[in-house]
Protein backbone atom coordinates (compact mmCIF):
# COMPACT_ATOMS: atom_id res chain seq x y z
CA MET A 1 -16.02 -137.27 -29.96
CA LYS A 2 -15.86 -136.13 -26.29
CA LYS A 3 -14.16 -139.39 -25.33
CA ASN A 4 -11.61 -138.97 -28.18
CA LEU A 5 -11.07 -135.45 -27.27
CA PHE A 6 -10.23 -136.41 -23.66
CA LEU A 7 -7.82 -139.09 -24.79
CA LEU A 8 -6.11 -136.86 -27.25
CA THR A 9 -5.69 -134.20 -24.53
CA ILE A 10 -3.82 -136.66 -22.35
CA LEU A 11 -1.70 -137.73 -25.35
CA ALA A 12 -0.91 -134.17 -26.23
CA LEU A 13 0.20 -133.45 -22.67
CA VAL A 14 2.69 -136.25 -22.86
CA ILE A 15 3.93 -135.11 -26.32
CA PHE A 16 4.51 -131.50 -25.47
CA SER A 17 6.28 -132.32 -22.20
CA LEU A 18 8.93 -134.11 -24.22
CA HIS A 19 9.44 -131.35 -26.85
CA ALA A 20 9.92 -128.10 -25.09
CA GLU A 21 10.46 -125.00 -27.21
CA GLU A 22 13.71 -123.10 -27.18
CA LYS A 23 12.14 -119.90 -25.88
CA VAL A 24 11.78 -119.33 -22.11
CA LYS A 25 8.10 -119.97 -21.53
CA PHE A 26 5.84 -118.03 -19.14
CA TYR A 27 2.31 -119.11 -18.40
CA MET A 28 -0.12 -116.81 -16.68
CA ALA A 29 -2.82 -118.49 -14.58
CA ASN A 30 -5.44 -116.91 -12.30
CA LYS A 31 -8.13 -117.56 -9.78
CA ILE A 32 -11.02 -115.22 -8.76
CA GLU A 33 -13.20 -115.53 -5.71
CA CYS A 34 -16.15 -113.14 -5.51
CA ASP A 35 -19.94 -113.00 -5.48
CA SER A 36 -22.14 -112.26 -8.51
CA SER A 37 -22.27 -108.54 -7.72
CA THR A 38 -18.55 -108.03 -8.22
CA ASN A 39 -17.90 -110.75 -10.79
CA THR A 40 -17.69 -108.49 -13.79
CA ILE A 41 -15.39 -105.87 -12.26
CA ALA A 42 -13.14 -108.52 -10.73
CA TYR A 43 -12.52 -110.00 -14.20
CA GLU A 44 -11.86 -106.58 -15.59
CA LYS A 45 -9.28 -105.85 -12.93
CA ARG A 46 -7.67 -109.29 -13.58
CA ASN A 47 -7.37 -108.34 -17.29
CA ILE A 48 -5.67 -105.02 -16.33
CA LEU A 49 -3.21 -106.77 -14.11
CA GLU A 50 -2.40 -109.50 -16.60
CA ASP A 51 -1.94 -106.98 -19.42
CA VAL A 52 0.44 -104.76 -17.37
CA VAL A 53 2.47 -107.63 -15.88
CA GLY A 54 2.67 -109.43 -19.27
CA LYS A 55 3.92 -106.31 -21.03
CA LYS A 56 6.55 -105.65 -18.32
CA LEU A 57 7.79 -109.21 -18.61
CA GLN A 58 8.10 -109.01 -22.41
CA ASP A 59 9.78 -105.56 -22.20
CA ASN A 60 12.35 -106.77 -19.66
CA TYR A 61 12.84 -110.27 -21.07
CA PRO A 62 12.58 -110.24 -24.87
CA CYS A 63 13.59 -113.95 -24.99
CA ILE A 64 10.33 -115.18 -23.52
CA SER A 65 7.14 -116.45 -24.92
CA LEU A 66 3.96 -115.65 -22.98
CA SER A 67 0.62 -117.46 -22.88
CA THR A 68 -2.33 -117.15 -20.54
CA GLN A 69 -4.94 -119.33 -18.98
CA THR A 70 -7.59 -117.11 -20.63
CA GLY A 71 -5.95 -117.61 -24.03
CA VAL A 72 -5.87 -121.40 -23.57
CA HIS A 73 -9.51 -121.46 -22.62
CA ILE A 74 -10.40 -119.39 -25.64
CA ARG A 75 -8.52 -121.72 -27.99
CA LEU A 76 -10.01 -124.82 -26.42
CA ASP A 77 -13.52 -123.41 -26.71
CA ALA A 78 -12.94 -122.60 -30.40
CA LEU A 79 -11.71 -126.17 -31.02
CA ARG A 80 -14.65 -127.60 -29.19
CA LYS A 81 -17.07 -125.60 -31.38
CA GLN A 82 -15.20 -126.81 -34.53
CA CYS A 83 -15.67 -130.41 -33.39
CA TYR A 84 -19.39 -129.86 -32.82
CA LEU A 85 -20.02 -128.09 -36.13
CA LYS A 86 -17.99 -130.32 -38.40
CA ASP A 87 -16.03 -133.56 -38.52
CA VAL A 88 -12.52 -132.49 -37.75
CA PRO A 89 -9.80 -135.05 -38.73
CA THR A 90 -8.14 -136.70 -35.72
CA ASP A 91 -4.67 -135.53 -36.83
CA ASP A 92 -5.81 -131.94 -36.91
CA ILE A 93 -7.37 -132.21 -33.35
CA GLN A 94 -4.13 -133.72 -32.09
CA LYS A 95 -1.97 -131.02 -33.59
CA GLN A 96 -4.22 -128.23 -32.18
CA LEU A 97 -4.31 -129.85 -28.75
CA SER A 98 -0.50 -130.30 -28.74
CA SER A 99 -0.10 -126.65 -29.63
CA ILE A 100 -2.50 -125.49 -27.00
CA GLY A 101 -1.08 -127.83 -24.40
CA SER A 102 2.46 -126.74 -25.03
CA ALA A 103 1.68 -123.47 -23.36
CA LEU A 104 1.27 -125.20 -20.00
CA ASP A 105 4.75 -126.75 -20.27
CA CYS A 106 6.29 -123.58 -18.87
CA ASN A 107 9.61 -122.61 -17.27
CA TYR A 108 7.88 -119.92 -15.12
CA LEU A 109 4.34 -119.69 -13.81
CA VAL A 110 2.75 -116.26 -13.12
CA TYR A 111 -0.25 -116.76 -10.74
CA THR A 112 -2.78 -114.05 -9.98
CA TYR A 113 -5.31 -114.53 -7.16
CA ILE A 114 -8.11 -112.05 -6.53
CA LYS A 115 -10.48 -112.37 -3.60
CA VAL A 116 -13.29 -109.82 -3.30
CA PHE A 117 -15.04 -109.53 0.11
CA PRO A 118 -18.62 -108.41 0.65
CA ASP A 119 -17.55 -104.87 1.49
CA LYS A 120 -15.91 -104.63 -2.03
CA LYS A 121 -12.48 -104.79 -0.53
CA ALA A 122 -10.11 -106.92 -2.59
CA MET A 123 -6.99 -108.90 -1.73
CA VAL A 124 -4.77 -109.33 -4.76
CA THR A 125 -1.75 -111.52 -4.91
CA CYS A 126 0.58 -111.95 -7.88
CA LYS A 127 3.47 -114.41 -7.88
CA VAL A 128 6.14 -115.69 -10.27
CA MET A 129 7.19 -119.25 -9.72
CA ASP A 130 10.17 -121.15 -11.10
CA TYR A 131 7.92 -124.05 -12.31
CA LYS A 132 10.69 -126.70 -12.47
CA LYS A 133 11.78 -125.99 -8.85
CA ALA A 134 8.26 -125.14 -7.48
CA GLN A 135 9.88 -122.04 -5.90
CA VAL A 136 8.37 -118.51 -5.72
CA ILE A 137 10.96 -116.04 -7.01
CA ALA A 138 8.85 -112.85 -7.08
CA SER A 139 5.61 -111.72 -5.50
CA SER A 140 3.44 -108.62 -4.82
CA LEU A 141 0.43 -108.21 -2.57
CA LEU A 142 -2.12 -105.40 -2.20
CA SER A 143 -5.36 -104.89 -0.37
CA GLN A 144 -7.82 -102.11 -1.42
CA ASN A 145 -11.23 -101.49 -2.86
CA ILE A 146 -11.79 -103.48 -6.09
CA SER A 147 -12.99 -100.49 -8.00
CA SER A 148 -9.79 -98.45 -7.26
CA ILE A 149 -7.41 -101.01 -8.87
CA SER A 150 -6.14 -99.09 -11.92
CA ASN A 151 -3.27 -99.33 -14.42
CA SER A 152 -1.01 -97.34 -12.07
CA VAL A 153 -1.73 -99.85 -9.26
CA ALA A 154 -0.96 -102.67 -11.62
CA GLU A 155 2.23 -100.93 -12.71
CA LYS A 156 3.40 -100.72 -9.14
CA MET A 157 2.79 -104.36 -8.52
CA ALA A 158 4.61 -105.26 -11.80
CA GLU A 159 7.61 -103.07 -10.97
CA GLU A 160 7.87 -104.65 -7.55
CA MET A 161 8.12 -108.10 -9.16
CA MET A 162 10.48 -107.04 -11.85
CA ASP A 163 12.83 -105.77 -9.12
CA GLN A 164 12.81 -109.20 -7.50
CA LEU A 165 13.33 -110.99 -10.81
CA LYS A 166 16.57 -109.08 -11.58
CA ASP A 167 18.42 -111.63 -9.39
CA HIS A 168 17.58 -114.41 -11.78
CA GLU A 169 18.96 -115.36 -15.12
CA ILE A 170 15.60 -115.42 -17.06
CA CYS A 171 16.93 -114.89 -20.55
CA PRO A 172 19.96 -117.17 -20.79
CA TYR A 173 23.43 -115.66 -21.49
CA GLU A 174 25.29 -117.60 -24.11
CA GLY A 175 28.87 -117.52 -25.38
CA LYS A 176 32.45 -118.71 -24.78
CA LEU A 177 34.11 -119.17 -21.37
CA THR A 178 37.74 -120.25 -21.11
CA ILE A 179 39.55 -121.22 -17.95
CA GLU A 180 43.27 -121.97 -18.12
CA ILE A 181 45.03 -123.20 -14.96
CA GLU A 182 48.76 -123.71 -14.70
CA SER A 183 50.54 -125.11 -11.68
CA GLU A 184 54.26 -125.61 -11.04
CA LYS A 185 55.94 -126.89 -7.91
CA GLU A 186 59.60 -127.46 -6.92
CA GLU A 187 60.17 -128.87 -3.43
CA SER A 188 63.11 -130.37 -1.55
CA THR A 189 62.83 -132.13 1.75
CA SER A 190 65.24 -134.07 3.94
CA SER A 191 64.97 -136.37 6.93
CA SER A 192 67.18 -138.57 9.03
CA ALA A 193 66.95 -141.59 11.26
CA VAL A 194 69.49 -143.36 13.55
CA CYS A 195 70.58 -146.93 12.80
CA ASP A 196 73.27 -149.30 14.27
CA ASN A 197 76.07 -147.98 12.03
CA GLY A 198 75.21 -144.29 11.96
CA ILE A 199 72.44 -142.12 10.52
CA ILE A 200 70.24 -142.85 7.52
CA THR A 201 69.54 -139.63 5.52
CA THR A 202 66.78 -139.29 2.92
CA GLN A 203 66.57 -136.40 0.47
CA ILE A 204 63.54 -135.96 -1.81
CA LYS A 205 63.31 -133.57 -4.74
CA LEU A 206 59.91 -132.98 -6.41
CA ASN A 207 59.35 -131.22 -9.76
CA SER A 208 55.77 -131.06 -10.90
CA LYS A 209 53.96 -129.20 -13.61
CA SER A 210 50.29 -129.34 -14.76
CA THR A 211 48.27 -127.47 -17.26
CA GLY A 212 44.47 -127.56 -17.77
CA LYS A 213 42.56 -125.68 -20.38
CA TRP A 214 38.67 -125.64 -20.32
CA GLU A 215 37.21 -124.04 -23.46
CA LEU A 216 33.50 -124.07 -22.74
CA ASN A 217 30.37 -122.84 -24.55
CA LYS A 218 27.42 -121.84 -22.50
CA ASN A 219 24.28 -122.42 -24.55
CA GLY A 220 21.38 -122.33 -22.14
CA LEU A 221 20.45 -121.38 -18.63
CA ARG A 222 22.80 -124.06 -17.23
CA LYS A 223 23.70 -126.13 -20.22
CA ALA A 224 27.20 -126.03 -21.62
CA GLY A 225 29.72 -128.04 -23.61
CA GLY A 226 33.07 -127.64 -25.19
CA SER A 227 36.54 -129.16 -24.96
CA VAL A 228 39.25 -129.69 -22.28
CA SER A 229 42.86 -130.69 -22.24
CA TYR A 230 44.90 -131.59 -19.15
CA ASP A 231 48.60 -132.58 -18.87
CA LEU A 232 50.59 -133.62 -15.80
CA ASN A 233 54.33 -134.20 -15.55
CA GLU A 234 55.78 -135.02 -12.22
CA LYS A 235 59.26 -136.28 -11.26
CA THR A 236 60.27 -137.36 -7.72
CA GLU A 237 63.92 -138.10 -6.98
CA THR A 238 64.69 -139.85 -3.76
CA THR A 239 68.30 -140.31 -2.54
CA ILE A 240 68.94 -142.47 0.48
CA ILE A 241 72.33 -142.68 2.20
CA ASN A 242 72.11 -145.84 4.33
CA PRO A 243 75.11 -147.06 6.48
CA CYS A 244 72.98 -149.94 7.65
CA TYR A 245 72.15 -151.44 4.26
CA VAL A 246 71.63 -155.17 4.63
CA CYS A 247 73.50 -157.34 2.05
CA PRO A 248 72.10 -160.75 0.78
CA ASP A 249 74.51 -162.51 3.25
CA GLY A 250 73.15 -160.50 6.20
CA THR A 251 76.07 -158.11 6.65
CA LYS A 252 75.50 -154.36 6.92
CA THR A 253 77.33 -151.88 4.79
CA MET A 254 77.19 -148.33 3.39
CA ALA A 255 74.89 -147.96 0.36
CA GLN A 256 73.45 -145.19 -1.72
CA ILE A 257 70.03 -145.80 -3.18
CA GLN A 258 68.64 -143.61 -5.96
CA GLU A 259 64.95 -143.87 -6.91
CA THR A 260 63.32 -141.88 -9.64
CA LYS A 261 59.48 -141.85 -9.91
CA THR A 262 57.99 -140.30 -13.06
CA VAL A 263 54.22 -139.66 -13.36
CA GLU A 264 52.72 -138.60 -16.69
CA GLY A 265 49.00 -137.81 -16.99
CA LYS A 266 47.02 -136.86 -20.05
CA VAL A 267 43.27 -136.22 -20.39
CA SER A 268 41.17 -134.71 -23.20
CA GLY A 269 37.46 -134.18 -23.74
CA LEU A 270 34.45 -133.70 -21.55
CA SER A 271 32.70 -136.67 -20.07
CA SER A 272 29.20 -137.39 -21.57
CA LYS A 273 27.61 -139.67 -19.13
CA SER A 274 24.66 -137.39 -18.19
CA VAL A 275 21.32 -138.08 -19.93
CA PHE A 276 18.83 -135.51 -20.98
CA GLU A 277 15.64 -136.37 -22.89
CA GLY A 278 17.06 -139.83 -23.63
CA GLN A 279 20.31 -138.58 -25.07
CA ASN A 280 23.80 -138.36 -23.61
CA VAL A 281 25.04 -134.86 -23.01
CA GLU A 282 28.35 -133.45 -21.84
CA ASP A 283 28.90 -133.24 -18.13
CA CYS A 284 29.26 -129.53 -17.95
CA ARG A 285 27.07 -126.84 -16.32
CA VAL A 286 27.59 -123.09 -16.24
CA LYS A 287 25.19 -121.11 -14.03
CA ILE A 288 25.18 -117.31 -13.37
CA MET A 289 24.00 -116.13 -9.94
CA PHE A 290 22.90 -112.49 -9.82
CA LEU A 291 22.94 -110.63 -6.55
CA SER A 292 20.86 -107.66 -5.36
CA ASP A 293 24.10 -105.48 -5.05
CA GLU A 294 24.40 -105.57 -8.94
CA THR A 295 27.11 -108.20 -8.90
CA TYR A 296 27.15 -111.73 -10.20
CA TYR A 297 29.05 -115.03 -9.80
CA ILE A 298 29.50 -117.72 -12.33
CA LEU A 299 29.42 -121.33 -11.08
CA VAL A 300 31.20 -123.84 -13.30
CA LYS A 301 30.88 -127.62 -12.81
CA ALA A 302 32.43 -130.09 -15.29
CA VAL A 303 34.38 -133.29 -15.44
CA THR A 304 36.61 -134.78 -18.10
CA GLU A 305 36.59 -138.07 -19.91
CA LYS A 306 38.76 -140.83 -18.49
CA GLY A 307 42.43 -140.27 -19.26
CA ASN A 308 45.64 -142.21 -18.53
CA LEU A 309 48.02 -141.78 -15.62
CA LYS A 310 51.34 -143.59 -16.22
CA THR A 311 53.71 -144.13 -13.30
CA THR A 312 57.35 -145.35 -13.84
CA ILE A 313 59.85 -146.14 -11.13
CA ASP A 314 63.57 -146.54 -11.75
CA LYS A 315 65.87 -147.68 -8.89
CA LYS A 316 69.66 -147.85 -8.58
CA VAL A 317 71.65 -149.28 -5.64
CA ASN A 318 75.35 -148.41 -5.15
CA ALA A 319 76.77 -150.82 -2.50
CA PRO A 320 79.78 -153.16 -2.31
CA CYS A 321 77.46 -156.15 -2.20
CA ALA A 322 74.96 -154.96 -4.85
CA THR A 323 74.20 -157.72 -7.39
CA GLY A 324 71.93 -155.76 -9.80
CA ASP A 325 68.75 -157.69 -8.79
CA GLU A 326 67.85 -154.74 -6.56
CA GLU A 327 67.66 -152.59 -9.70
CA LYS A 328 65.26 -154.71 -11.68
CA PRO A 329 62.87 -152.14 -13.14
CA GLU A 330 59.15 -152.34 -12.28
CA GLU A 331 56.61 -152.54 -15.00
CA PRO A 332 54.98 -149.08 -15.59
CA ARG A 333 51.62 -148.72 -13.90
CA ASN A 334 48.72 -147.26 -15.85
CA ASN A 335 45.61 -146.02 -14.12
CA GLU A 336 42.45 -144.17 -15.30
CA ILE A 337 41.95 -140.62 -14.10
CA ASP A 338 39.36 -137.92 -14.64
CA ILE A 339 39.67 -134.26 -13.69
CA PRO A 340 36.71 -132.44 -12.06
CA LEU A 341 36.36 -128.73 -12.19
CA VAL A 342 34.18 -127.00 -9.60
CA VAL A 343 34.85 -123.26 -9.46
CA VAL A 344 33.01 -120.06 -8.56
CA LEU A 345 34.11 -117.10 -10.55
CA GLY A 346 33.57 -113.49 -9.39
CA PRO A 347 32.15 -111.38 -8.00
CA TYR A 348 31.88 -109.19 -11.16
CA LYS A 349 29.83 -106.05 -11.74
CA GLY A 350 26.68 -106.66 -13.81
CA THR A 351 22.96 -107.21 -13.80
CA THR A 352 20.35 -109.08 -15.87
CA LYS A 353 19.80 -105.84 -17.83
CA ASP A 354 23.25 -105.94 -19.29
CA ALA A 355 23.19 -107.26 -22.91
CA VAL A 356 26.77 -108.60 -22.55
CA LEU A 357 28.79 -109.98 -19.53
CA SER A 358 32.48 -110.15 -20.10
CA GLN A 359 35.75 -110.48 -18.24
CA ASN A 360 39.43 -111.15 -19.04
CA GLU A 361 41.67 -111.56 -15.97
CA THR A 362 44.61 -113.54 -14.54
CA LYS A 363 44.51 -114.68 -10.90
CA ASP A 364 47.50 -115.74 -8.88
CA LEU A 365 46.94 -119.10 -7.27
CA THR A 366 50.33 -119.49 -5.58
CA GLN A 367 50.29 -121.29 -2.26
CA GLY A 368 53.60 -121.92 -0.47
CA GLN A 369 56.04 -123.53 -2.88
CA GLU A 370 53.36 -124.26 -5.47
CA LYS A 371 53.07 -121.55 -8.11
CA GLY A 372 49.86 -121.23 -10.00
CA THR A 373 47.89 -119.01 -12.26
CA ALA A 374 44.30 -119.01 -13.57
CA LYS A 375 43.43 -117.16 -16.75
CA ILE A 376 39.71 -116.48 -17.10
CA ASN A 377 38.18 -115.08 -20.27
CA PHE A 378 34.47 -114.96 -21.11
CA SER A 379 31.97 -112.99 -23.22
CA LEU A 380 28.35 -113.97 -22.70
CA THR A 381 25.54 -112.35 -24.62
CA ARG A 382 21.96 -112.29 -23.38
CA LYS A 383 19.58 -114.14 -25.63
CA ASN A 384 16.77 -112.07 -27.06
C-alpha cells in the first residue's frame, strides 16, 4: 500500500498541475528552527501569524483560495490512517490525493520562517512570492523575544505585506476594453532634376486613411480575447514632366507621365497561434500595472490574423512618340499582412482596492501632416 500511495502521489501531482482552478491560489508554507524547550511556543506563534496573515489576505482579496502546509499534512495523515484501518479503493485514494495535491499548485506562495535562538530571541520572516515567476513581491521581518509575539505584532507584519501587495493585480480585473485608432494623411511633395533638354519635375500627392478597432475582453490576470478590424486605403499620384523622355527610336522629347498607385488593406480577427495547455488561444494579453502613487497603467499586446494587402499601379504616358505599350497595366500584387498592437494606456488614478476601473477618453495622435485620434473605452471589474 505504501508503494501504491507513493506512485499515486506522483500521478496526482502531474494531474493537478494540468488542471488549475479558476480561483487565485495561495499556499502557506512554513519552517521552524528551535530546540525542544521552545518548540511548543514557536508553533503557537506560527499559528498566530498564519491566522492573521491568512485573514488579511482573504479580506483584501476575496477572489483567492487559501490552503496551508499544516492543513495538507493533516489531510495526508487522515488519509494514511484510513489506508491503514481499511481497504480504501484505489480510485478514492487517487481522488483524495489529487484534491490534496492541488493545494500545492499555487499562484502565490506565503512562506513563514521562524528561528529561535538559545536566549529565546526569535527571528521571524514572512514572504509572499509570485510562484510562477519565483519572485518575492512582499516581505516582513522582525526580531524579538518569542514570547512577546502577539496578535498585534502579527497584524503589523500582515499590514506591511498588504501595503506592498497593493502594487500587484492579485484578483484579476475583467471586462471590455475598446481601442479605436483612426489615421488620415494628405501630403504633397515636389522635386526637380536637370537633364539635357531642361528640368525634370516630379510631383507626388499622397492620400491615406486607416482605421483599426480592437474590441477586447480581459478575462484573467493577462488573458484576453475579442475581435479586431483594420482597413487601409492609400492612393499615391505621381506626375512627372520630363523634357528628356527617350522615345523607342532614341530621340528625346517632352513627355508627361502619370502614375497612380492604389493600396487597399483589410484585416479582421485576432491571431490564435499561441498555445496554452495544449490548445490554441488568441494572441492577446492585457496586463494592469499598479504603482505606489495610486495610479495604474494598462499594457496591451495583440496581433491580428493574416489579412490581404492589394497594390494596383496604373500608368499613363503622354508623349508624341508614345505607342501605348508603356501603359500596359501591371497585375495587382497581393501580399499578406498582420497588424500588431503594443500600447501602454495611462496613467489613470486607481488602486487594487477599487472594485471597478474605467475610462472613456479620446487622444490626439496628430504628428505633422498625419492626423490621428485614439478612442479608449474600458470598464474592468475586480473578480471576487
